[in-house]
Amino acid sequence: MFESEWLLVQVASPKYLLAMKLRASRDERDLDDAVLLFNKVGFTTAQECIDLLTATYTTGQLLPRHRYMCEEVAVRAQSRRDAPNSGAVKNT
């Protein structure tokens, strides 16, 4: 958060940003961002993504592509964690 006398800028939490990226699932960039955020928040399974989406958005707004996106993000995130010198973000 940035605050000055005349301006207050707030940023969404990493979990909320992840939910937005998963729901939008627009292109490869959203997928890459989601993988980074997935690791940042400490998720390890696709089910955690699905649970995040269902907690953030109404079930009627979720489509099969959202489940696919969660599964793909979990696989790519695991690959990044397993890669030597991957630069994966560690949850601290």
C-alpha atoms as a PDB file:
ATOM      1  CA  MET A   1       0.000   0.000   0.000  1.00  0.00           C
ATOM      2  CA  PHE A   2       1.220   3.494  -0.855  1.00  0.00           C
ATOM      3  CA  GLU A   3      -0.129   6.488   0.988  1.00  0.00           C
ATOM      4  CA  SER A   4       0.599  10.178   0.733  1.00  0.00           C
ATOM      5  CA  GLU A   5      -1.293  13.252   1.805  1.00  0.00           C
ATOM      6  CA  TRP A   6      -3.513  13.155  -1.299  1.00  0.00           C
ATOM      7  CA  LEU A   7      -3.284   9.615  -2.588  1.00  0.00           C
ATOM      8  CA  LEU A   8      -3.904   6.131  -1.226  1.00  0.00           C
ATOM      9  CA  VAL A   9      -3.074   3.156  -3.461  1.00  0.00           C
ATOM     10  CA  GLN A  10      -4.114  -0.324  -2.342  1.00  0.00           C
ATOM     11  CA  VAL A  11      -3.116  -3.582  -3.982  1.00  0.00           C
ATOM     12  CA  ALA A  12      -5.052  -6.838  -3.956  1.00  0.00           C
ATOM     13  CA  SER A  13      -3.586  -9.733  -1.989  1.00  0.00           C
ATOM     14  CA  PRO A  14      -1.654 -12.439  -3.875  1.00  0.00           C
ATOM     15  CA  LYS A  15      -4.544 -14.879  -3.310  1.00  0.00           C
ATOM     16  CA  TYR A  16      -7.075 -12.477  -4.787  1.00  0.00           C
ATOM     17  CA  LEU A  17      -4.775 -11.713  -7.729  1.00  0.00           C
ATOM     18  CA  LEU A  18      -4.449 -15.472  -8.297  1.00  0.00           C
ATOM     19  CA  ALA A  19      -8.232 -15.864  -8.282  1.00  0.00           C
ATOM     20  CA  MET A  20      -8.580 -13.052 -10.833  1.00  0.00           C
ATOM     21  CA  LYS A  21      -5.893 -14.539 -13.101  1.00  0.00           C
ATOM     22  CA  LEU A  22      -7.468 -17.999 -12.907  1.00  0.00           C
ATOM     23  CA  ARG A  23     -10.925 -16.692 -13.689  1.00  0.00           C
ATOM     24  CA  ALA A  24      -9.750 -14.485 -16.562  1.00  0.00           C
ATOM     25  CA  SER A  25      -7.472 -17.181 -18.032  1.00  0.00           C
ATOM     26  CA  ARG A  26      -6.991 -15.008 -21.113  1.00  0.00           C
ATOM     27  CA  ASP A  27      -3.657 -16.109 -22.479  1.00  0.00           C
ATOM     28  CA  GLU A  28      -0.233 -17.516 -21.707  1.00  0.00           C
ATOM     29  CA  ARG A  29       0.591 -14.400 -19.679  1.00  0.00           C
ATOM     30  CA  ASP A  30      -2.272 -15.083 -17.251  1.00  0.00           C
ATOM     31  CA  LEU A  31      -1.058 -18.666 -16.978  1.00  0.00           C
ATOM     32  CA  ASP A  32       2.520 -17.583 -16.216  1.00  0.00           C
ATOM     33  CA  ASP A  33       1.323 -15.014 -13.671  1.00  0.00           C
ATOM     34  CA  ALA A  34      -0.954 -17.602 -12.045  1.00  0.00           C
ATOM     35  CA  VAL A  35       1.946 -20.054 -11.696  1.00  0.00           C
ATOM     36  CA  LEU A  36       4.043 -17.396  -9.969  1.00  0.00           C
ATOM     37  CA  LEU A  37       1.179 -16.460  -7.626  1.00  0.00           C
ATOM     38  CA  PHE A  38       0.315 -20.138  -6.965  1.00  0.00           C
ATOM     39  CA  ASN A  39       3.832 -20.702  -5.640  1.00  0.00           C
ATOM     40  CA  LYS A  40       3.858 -17.348  -3.816  1.00  0.00           C
ATOM     41  CA  VAL A  41       0.768 -18.222  -1.753  1.00  0.00           C
ATOM     42  CA  GLY A  42       2.089 -21.715  -1.041  1.00  0.00           C
ATOM     43  CA  PHE A  43      -0.474 -23.767  -2.932  1.00  0.00           C
ATOM     44  CA  THR A  44       0.527 -27.281  -3.988  1.00  0.00           C
ATOM     45  CA  THR A  45      -2.627 -28.757  -5.556  1.00  0.00           C
ATOM     46  CA  ALA A  46      -5.142 -27.866  -8.242  1.00  0.00           C
ATOM     47  CA  GLN A  47      -7.900 -28.396  -5.677  1.00  0.00           C
ATOM     48  CA  GLU A  48      -6.597 -25.430  -3.670  1.00  0.00           C
ATOM     49  CA  CYS A  49      -7.081 -23.263  -6.778  1.00  0.00           C
ATOM     50  CA  ILE A  50     -10.568 -24.615  -7.334  1.00  0.00           C
ATOM     51  CA  ASP A  51     -11.430 -23.974  -3.683  1.00  0.00           C
ATOM     52  CA  LEU A  52     -10.093 -20.419  -4.008  1.00  0.00           C
ATOM     53  CA  LEU A  53     -12.222 -19.798  -7.104  1.00  0.00           C
ATOM     54  CA  THR A  54     -15.393 -21.178  -5.515  1.00  0.00           C
ATOM     55  CA  ALA A  55     -14.780 -19.073  -2.403  1.00  0.00           C
ATOM     56  CA  THR A  56     -14.167 -15.932  -4.475  1.00  0.00           C
ATOM     57  CA  TYR A  57     -16.750 -16.274  -7.259  1.00  0.00           C
ATOM     58  CA  THR A  58     -20.199 -17.806  -7.436  1.00  0.00           C
ATOM     59  CA  THR A  59     -20.219 -21.364  -8.727  1.00  0.00           C
ATOM     60  CA  GLY A  60     -22.405 -20.370 -11.689  1.00  0.00           C
ATOM     61  CA  GLN A  61     -19.605 -18.120 -12.964  1.00  0.00           C
ATOM     62  CA  LEU A  62     -17.092 -20.969 -13.128  1.00  0.00           C
ATOM     63  CA  LEU A  63     -16.642 -22.962 -16.319  1.00  0.00           C
ATOM     64  CA  PRO A  64     -14.806 -26.198 -17.189  1.00  0.00           C
ATOM     65  CA  ARG A  65     -11.916 -24.090 -18.509  1.00  0.00           C
ATOM     66  CA  HIS A  66     -11.354 -22.776 -14.978  1.00  0.00           C
ATOM     67  CA  ARG A  67     -10.791 -26.327 -13.682  1.00  0.00           C
ATOM     68  CA  TYR A  68      -8.420 -26.964 -16.590  1.00  0.00           C
ATOM     69  CA  MET A  69      -6.566 -23.743 -15.785  1.00  0.00           C
ATOM     70  CA  CYS A  70      -6.195 -24.792 -12.134  1.00  0.00           C
ATOM     71  CA  GLU A  71      -4.823 -28.172 -13.153  1.00  0.00           C
ATOM     72  CA  GLU A  72      -2.388 -26.660 -15.651  1.00  0.00           C
ATOM     73  CA  VAL A  73      -1.184 -24.067 -13.135  1.00  0.00           C
ATOM     74  CA  ALA A  74      -0.567 -26.758 -10.502  1.00  0.00           C
ATOM     75  CA  VAL A  75       1.468 -28.863 -12.965  1.00  0.00           C
ATOM     76  CA  ARG A  76       3.565 -25.911 -14.151  1.00  0.00           C
ATOM     77  CA  ALA A  77       4.088 -24.648 -10.609  1.00  0.00           C
ATOM     78  CA  GLN A  78       5.353 -28.072  -9.519  1.00  0.00           C
ATOM     79  CA  SER A  79       7.722 -28.148 -12.493  1.00  0.00           C
ATOM     80  CA  ARG A  80       9.120 -24.758 -11.518  1.00  0.00           C
ATOM     81  CA  ARG A  81       9.584 -25.861  -7.907  1.00  0.00           C
ATOM     82  CA  ASP A  82      11.349 -29.048  -9.048  1.00  0.00           C
ATOM     83  CA  ALA A  83      13.660 -27.317 -11.522  1.00  0.00           C
ATOM     84  CA  PRO A  84      17.151 -26.568 -10.193  1.00  0.00           C
ATOM     85  CA  ASN A  85      17.774 -22.823  -9.907  1.00  0.00           C
ATOM     86  CA  SER A  86      14.218 -22.231 -11.053  1.00  0.00           C
ATOM     87  CA  GLY A  87      13.909 -18.910  -9.296  1.00  0.00           C
ATOM     88  CA  ALA A  88      10.599 -20.078  -7.852  1.00  0.00           C
ATOM     89  CA  VAL A  89       9.256 -17.725  -5.229  1.00  0.00           C
ATOM     90  CA  LYS A  90       9.478 -19.188  -1.765  1.00  0.00           C
ATOM     91  CA  ASN A  91       6.647 -18.544   0.628  1.00  0.00           C
ATOM     92  CA  THR A  92       8.178 -16.803   3.641  1.00  0.00           C
END
